[in-house]
Amino acid sequence: MSRATKTQQLLATLVHDVGKYVARTARNLGDAPITPLAAPVLQMLLDDCFGSATTLRPSLRFAELCRQLAAVNPDVDLSAVATGLSELDSLESLIRADNAPAVARAVALAKQIEADLRAHLTRQTLPRLTTKKKP
């Protein structure tokens, strides 16, 4: 398997395992979530951002996949995503307390993390899709 294909696969896994799930509830809350959140919605946001009894914390899954990605393609720079996840982790206690500014920031961060990961995957995929050999 080529380096480009492995890179695409790992980025696709990052989009799915981290981006998709971290932003799942955030996407449904809009840009200015109304707080306090209903208890089930808050729990969904917490599970998405910090993991649950059955899911790994997104920042840990991200770190695991980034180690694999760095071994395949050290040129992929996901530092902005790492920073976003770190900030999200630092807000956990405030989000658990349903602090309105922290919840709003978590929603924005979660959506940005997903968007950043999808953009990396798109940049990695597009050159291969648009480069056609002429006969």
C-alpha atoms as a PDB file:
ATOM      1  CA  MET A   1       0.000   0.000   0.000  1.00  0.00           C
ATOM      2  CA  SER A   2       1.365   3.419  -0.917  1.00  0.00           C
ATOM      3  CA  ARG A   3       2.241   6.171   1.561  1.00  0.00           C
ATOM      4  CA  ALA A   4      -0.544   8.352   0.106  1.00  0.00           C
ATOM      5  CA  THR A   5      -3.128   5.597   0.501  1.00  0.00           C
ATOM      6  CA  LYS A   6      -2.081   4.868   4.092  1.00  0.00           C
ATOM      7  CA  THR A   7      -2.206   8.592   4.852  1.00  0.00           C
ATOM      8  CA  GLN A   8      -5.700   8.860   3.397  1.00  0.00           C
ATOM      9  CA  GLN A   9      -6.882   5.852   5.376  1.00  0.00           C
ATOM     10  CA  LEU A  10      -5.545   7.230   8.641  1.00  0.00           C
ATOM     11  CA  LEU A  11      -7.015  10.667   7.971  1.00  0.00           C
ATOM     12  CA  ALA A  12     -10.357   9.071   7.126  1.00  0.00           C
ATOM     13  CA  THR A  13     -10.201   7.164  10.410  1.00  0.00           C
ATOM     14  CA  LEU A  14      -9.419  10.401  12.250  1.00  0.00           C
ATOM     15  CA  VAL A  15     -12.396  12.100  10.598  1.00  0.00           C
ATOM     16  CA  HIS A  16     -14.641   9.221  11.589  1.00  0.00           C
ATOM     17  CA  ASP A  17     -13.326   8.278  15.026  1.00  0.00           C
ATOM     18  CA  VAL A  18     -12.559  11.786  16.264  1.00  0.00           C
ATOM     19  CA  GLY A  19     -14.158  14.488  14.107  1.00  0.00           C
ATOM     20  CA  LYS A  20     -17.523  12.893  13.449  1.00  0.00           C
ATOM     21  CA  TYR A  21     -18.094  11.832  17.022  1.00  0.00           C
ATOM     22  CA  VAL A  22     -16.701  14.857  18.831  1.00  0.00           C
ATOM     23  CA  ALA A  23     -19.009  17.120  16.789  1.00  0.00           C
ATOM     24  CA  ARG A  24     -22.116  14.906  16.709  1.00  0.00           C
ATOM     25  CA  THR A  25     -24.113  16.741  19.382  1.00  0.00           C
ATOM     26  CA  ALA A  26     -22.427  20.099  18.727  1.00  0.00           C
ATOM     27  CA  ARG A  27     -23.700  20.142  15.137  1.00  0.00           C
ATOM     28  CA  ASN A  28     -27.255  19.873  16.434  1.00  0.00           C
ATOM     29  CA  LEU A  29     -26.890  22.656  18.992  1.00  0.00           C
ATOM     30  CA  GLY A  30     -26.248  25.443  16.498  1.00  0.00           C
ATOM     31  CA  ASP A  31     -23.854  28.348  16.916  1.00  0.00           C
ATOM     32  CA  ALA A  32     -25.386  29.751  20.094  1.00  0.00           C
ATOM     33  CA  PRO A  33     -26.652  26.865  22.222  1.00  0.00           C
ATOM     34  CA  ILE A  34     -29.374  27.741  24.675  1.00  0.00           C
ATOM     35  CA  THR A  35     -28.195  27.004  28.173  1.00  0.00           C
ATOM     36  CA  PRO A  36     -28.739  25.447  30.541  1.00  0.00           C
ATOM     37  CA  LEU A  37     -28.819  22.366  28.367  1.00  0.00           C
ATOM     38  CA  ALA A  38     -31.335  19.667  29.117  1.00  0.00           C
ATOM     39  CA  ALA A  39     -29.612  16.947  31.153  1.00  0.00           C
ATOM     40  CA  PRO A  40     -29.730  14.325  28.354  1.00  0.00           C
ATOM     41  CA  VAL A  41     -28.319  16.807  25.818  1.00  0.00           C
ATOM     42  CA  LEU A  42     -25.546  17.835  28.190  1.00  0.00           C
ATOM     43  CA  GLN A  43     -24.699  14.164  28.740  1.00  0.00           C
ATOM     44  CA  MET A  44     -24.577  13.598  24.978  1.00  0.00           C
ATOM     45  CA  LEU A  45     -22.202  16.554  24.572  1.00  0.00           C
ATOM     46  CA  LEU A  46     -20.025  15.269  27.415  1.00  0.00           C
ATOM     47  CA  ASP A  47     -19.907  11.769  25.943  1.00  0.00           C
ATOM     48  CA  ASP A  48     -18.987  13.147  22.519  1.00  0.00           C
ATOM     49  CA  CYS A  49     -16.273  15.461  23.819  1.00  0.00           C
ATOM     50  CA  PHE A  50     -14.797  13.318  26.586  1.00  0.00           C
ATOM     51  CA  GLY A  51     -15.807   9.731  25.904  1.00  0.00           C
ATOM     52  CA  SER A  52     -18.058   7.476  27.907  1.00  0.00           C
ATOM     53  CA  ALA A  53     -17.934   4.109  29.633  1.00  0.00           C
ATOM     54  CA  THR A  54     -17.944   2.478  26.195  1.00  0.00           C
ATOM     55  CA  THR A  55     -15.980   4.977  24.094  1.00  0.00           C
ATOM     56  CA  LEU A  56     -12.433   6.272  24.223  1.00  0.00           C
ATOM     57  CA  ARG A  57     -11.796   9.929  24.966  1.00  0.00           C
ATOM     58  CA  PRO A  58     -11.416  11.681  21.568  1.00  0.00           C
ATOM     59  CA  SER A  59      -8.114  13.304  22.515  1.00  0.00           C
ATOM     60  CA  LEU A  60      -6.670   9.874  23.350  1.00  0.00           C
ATOM     61  CA  ARG A  61      -7.933   8.326  20.112  1.00  0.00           C
ATOM     62  CA  PHE A  62      -6.514  11.321  18.247  1.00  0.00           C
ATOM     63  CA  ALA A  63      -3.091  10.853  19.869  1.00  0.00           C
ATOM     64  CA  GLU A  64      -3.121   7.138  19.056  1.00  0.00           C
ATOM     65  CA  LEU A  65      -3.965   7.733  15.399  1.00  0.00           C
ATOM     66  CA  CYS A  66      -1.500  10.632  15.106  1.00  0.00           C
ATOM     67  CA  ARG A  67       1.325   8.354  16.227  1.00  0.00           C
ATOM     68  CA  GLN A  68       0.397   5.964  13.424  1.00  0.00           C
ATOM     69  CA  LEU A  69       0.080   8.824  10.943  1.00  0.00           C
ATOM     70  CA  ALA A  70       3.459  10.293  11.901  1.00  0.00           C
ATOM     71  CA  ALA A  71       5.089   6.930  11.198  1.00  0.00           C
ATOM     72  CA  VAL A  72       3.560   6.915   7.705  1.00  0.00           C
ATOM     73  CA  ASN A  73       3.652  10.595   6.802  1.00  0.00           C
ATOM     74  CA  PRO A  74       5.341  13.020   9.214  1.00  0.00           C
ATOM     75  CA  ASP A  75       4.484  15.929   6.901  1.00  0.00           C
ATOM     76  CA  VAL A  76       0.809  16.014   7.907  1.00  0.00           C
ATOM     77  CA  ASP A  77       0.446  18.808  10.469  1.00  0.00           C
ATOM     78  CA  LEU A  78      -2.521  18.314  12.770  1.00  0.00           C
ATOM     79  CA  SER A  79      -1.273  20.705  15.448  1.00  0.00           C
ATOM     80  CA  ALA A  80      -4.368  22.926  15.181  1.00  0.00           C
ATOM     81  CA  VAL A  81      -6.576  19.910  15.866  1.00  0.00           C
ATOM     82  CA  ALA A  82      -4.364  18.895  18.798  1.00  0.00           C
ATOM     83  CA  THR A  83      -4.656  22.414  20.203  1.00  0.00           C
ATOM     84  CA  GLY A  84      -8.435  22.355  19.832  1.00  0.00           C
ATOM     85  CA  LEU A  85      -8.712  19.003  21.600  1.00  0.00           C
ATOM     86  CA  SER A  86      -6.409  20.217  24.373  1.00  0.00           C
ATOM     87  CA  GLU A  87      -8.542  23.318  24.891  1.00  0.00           C
ATOM     88  CA  LEU A  88     -11.670  21.176  24.875  1.00  0.00           C
ATOM     89  CA  ASP A  89     -10.161  18.884  27.532  1.00  0.00           C
ATOM     90  CA  SER A  90      -9.261  21.915  29.655  1.00  0.00           C
ATOM     91  CA  LEU A  91     -12.915  23.009  29.667  1.00  0.00           C
ATOM     92  CA  GLU A  92     -14.283  19.687  30.888  1.00  0.00           C
ATOM     93  CA  SER A  93     -15.142  20.672  34.471  1.00  0.00           C
ATOM     94  CA  LEU A  94     -16.862  23.865  33.306  1.00  0.00           C
ATOM     95  CA  ILE A  95     -18.837  21.984  30.648  1.00  0.00           C
ATOM     96  CA  ARG A  96     -19.871  19.365  33.200  1.00  0.00           C
ATOM     97  CA  ALA A  97     -21.196  22.274  35.310  1.00  0.00           C
ATOM     98  CA  ASP A  98     -23.149  23.487  32.229  1.00  0.00           C
ATOM     99  CA  ASN A  99     -21.271  26.793  32.236  1.00  0.00           C
ATOM    100  CA  ALA A 100     -22.788  28.701  29.293  1.00  0.00           C
ATOM    101  CA  PRO A 101     -19.573  30.239  27.877  1.00  0.00           C
ATOM    102  CA  ALA A 102     -17.736  26.910  28.222  1.00  0.00           C
ATOM    103  CA  VAL A 103     -20.568  25.007  26.528  1.00  0.00           C
ATOM    104  CA  ALA A 104     -20.613  27.537  23.679  1.00  0.00           C
ATOM    105  CA  ARG A 105     -16.832  27.265  23.306  1.00  0.00           C
ATOM    106  CA  ALA A 106     -17.005  23.453  23.362  1.00  0.00           C
ATOM    107  CA  VAL A 107     -19.615  23.482  20.604  1.00  0.00           C
ATOM    108  CA  ALA A 108     -17.458  25.788  18.481  1.00  0.00           C
ATOM    109  CA  LEU A 109     -14.300  23.757  19.138  1.00  0.00           C
ATOM    110  CA  ALA A 110     -15.976  20.441  18.348  1.00  0.00           C
ATOM    111  CA  LYS A 111     -17.262  21.723  15.017  1.00  0.00           C
ATOM    112  CA  GLN A 112     -13.869  23.256  14.182  1.00  0.00           C
ATOM    113  CA  ILE A 113     -12.048  20.028  15.025  1.00  0.00           C
ATOM    114  CA  GLU A 114     -14.288  18.109  12.655  1.00  0.00           C
ATOM    115  CA  ALA A 115     -13.922  20.747   9.922  1.00  0.00           C
ATOM    116  CA  ASP A 116     -10.122  20.785  10.273  1.00  0.00           C
ATOM    117  CA  LEU A 117      -9.874  17.007  10.041  1.00  0.00           C
ATOM    118  CA  ARG A 118     -12.172  16.908   7.014  1.00  0.00           C
ATOM    119  CA  ALA A 119     -10.095  19.641   5.343  1.00  0.00           C
ATOM    120  CA  HIS A 120      -6.913  17.619   5.849  1.00  0.00           C
ATOM    121  CA  LEU A 121      -8.555  14.563   4.322  1.00  0.00           C
ATOM    122  CA  THR A 122      -9.830  16.614   1.381  1.00  0.00           C
ATOM    123  CA  ARG A 123      -6.389  18.132   0.745  1.00  0.00           C
ATOM    124  CA  GLN A 124      -4.822  14.691   0.839  1.00  0.00           C
ATOM    125  CA  THR A 125      -7.443  13.170  -1.464  1.00  0.00           C
ATOM    126  CA  LEU A 126      -8.019  15.916  -4.041  1.00  0.00           C
ATOM    127  CA  PRO A 127      -4.621  15.828  -5.738  1.00  0.00           C
ATOM    128  CA  ARG A 128      -5.096  12.143  -6.483  1.00  0.00           C
ATOM    129  CA  LEU A 129      -8.622  12.682  -7.758  1.00  0.00           C
ATOM    130  CA  THR A 130      -7.828  15.638  -9.974  1.00  0.00           C
ATOM    131  CA  THR A 131      -4.564  14.419 -11.448  1.00  0.00           C
ATOM    132  CA  LYS A 132      -5.378  12.536 -14.607  1.00  0.00           C
ATOM    133  CA  LYS A 133      -2.868  11.150 -16.997  1.00  0.00           C
ATOM    134  CA  LYS A 134      -3.421  12.289 -20.534  1.00  0.00           C
ATOM    135  CA  PRO A 135      -3.459   9.574 -23.171  1.00  0.00           C
END
